[in-house]
Amino acid sequence: MHEVSPTFAELQRRLLRHVRSFASSLEFDLAHRELTMTDCWVNIMPRQVVHTLHLHPLSTLSGTYYVKTPKGCPRSEV
């Protein structure tokens, strides 16, 4: 989505600073390498649905950006 949508490209640009900071805090050796966003998708879930723990085995980092959550929504502790 970030490759075809200006809105998601902007989200990618805004997230990059945070990704770099997080990778630095993990002491990743990124000399002569760059982390890049390879996938981006939207998941719309109805109320009372939880996104359970799962893996992204070919990813160095993965994360979730919540655009809007209802008041009192449980947050991820992982």
Protein backbone atom coordinates (compact mmCIF):
# COMPACT_ATOMS: atom_id res chain seq x y z
CA MET A 1 0.00 0.00 0.00
CA HIS A 2 2.85 2.38 0.77
CA GLU A 3 4.10 2.01 -2.80
CA VAL A 4 0.80 2.97 -4.47
CA SER A 5 -0.91 5.28 -1.99
CA PRO A 6 0.43 8.75 -1.15
CA THR A 7 -1.31 8.51 2.23
CA PHE A 8 0.48 5.30 3.17
CA ALA A 9 3.74 6.59 1.71
CA GLU A 10 3.44 9.51 4.13
CA LEU A 11 2.77 7.09 6.99
CA GLN A 12 5.91 5.17 5.99
CA ARG A 13 7.91 8.41 6.00
CA ARG A 14 6.63 9.36 9.45
CA LEU A 15 7.30 5.92 10.90
CA LEU A 16 10.87 5.70 9.62
CA ARG A 17 12.28 7.92 12.40
CA HIS A 18 10.69 5.68 15.04
CA VAL A 19 11.86 2.49 13.32
CA ARG A 20 15.43 3.79 13.21
CA SER A 21 15.28 4.77 16.88
CA PHE A 22 13.89 1.38 17.87
CA ALA A 23 16.52 -0.48 15.84
CA SER A 24 19.20 1.65 17.49
CA SER A 25 17.86 0.85 20.96
CA LEU A 26 18.17 -2.85 20.06
CA GLU A 27 21.76 -2.17 18.95
CA PHE A 28 21.17 -3.48 15.42
CA ASP A 29 24.29 -3.22 13.28
CA LEU A 30 22.91 -1.30 10.30
CA ALA A 31 26.24 -0.04 8.96
CA HIS A 32 25.90 0.18 5.17
CA ARG A 33 22.35 -1.23 5.39
CA GLU A 34 18.90 0.30 5.47
CA LEU A 35 15.68 -1.03 6.95
CA THR A 36 12.86 -0.75 4.43
CA MET A 37 9.13 -1.28 4.62
CA THR A 38 8.29 -4.30 2.49
CA ASP A 39 4.62 -4.80 3.36
CA CYS A 40 1.79 -2.63 4.57
CA TRP A 41 -1.87 -3.54 4.90
CA VAL A 42 -5.08 -2.48 6.58
CA ASN A 43 -6.99 -4.63 9.03
CA ILE A 44 -10.45 -3.40 10.05
CA MET A 45 -11.82 -5.27 13.03
CA PRO A 46 -15.25 -5.03 14.63
CA ARG A 47 -15.73 -4.17 18.31
CA GLN A 48 -14.67 -6.75 20.89
CA VAL A 49 -12.24 -8.44 18.49
CA VAL A 50 -8.62 -8.91 19.55
CA HIS A 51 -5.62 -9.16 17.25
CA THR A 52 -3.79 -12.13 18.77
CA LEU A 53 -0.05 -12.67 18.98
CA HIS A 54 1.41 -13.94 15.71
CA LEU A 55 4.72 -14.00 13.86
CA HIS A 56 6.14 -12.39 10.74
CA PRO A 57 9.01 -14.84 10.17
CA LEU A 58 10.75 -13.01 7.31
CA SER A 59 10.61 -9.59 8.98
CA THR A 60 13.38 -7.91 10.94
CA LEU A 61 10.83 -5.64 12.62
CA SER A 62 7.07 -5.56 12.47
CA GLY A 63 4.51 -3.43 14.21
CA THR A 64 1.01 -2.08 14.30
CA TYR A 65 -0.22 1.48 13.93
CA TYR A 66 -3.67 1.91 15.45
CA VAL A 67 -5.51 4.74 13.76
CA LYS A 68 -8.39 4.65 16.22
CA THR A 69 -9.31 2.43 19.11
CA PRO A 70 -12.43 2.61 21.24
CA LYS A 71 -12.18 3.95 24.80
CA GLY A 72 -11.27 1.13 27.17
CA CYS A 73 -9.77 -1.02 24.43
CA PRO A 74 -7.18 -3.48 25.78
CA ARG A 75 -3.66 -2.68 24.67
CA SER A 76 -1.01 -5.14 23.60
CA GLU A 77 1.61 -5.97 26.21
CA VAL A 78 3.89 -7.67 23.69
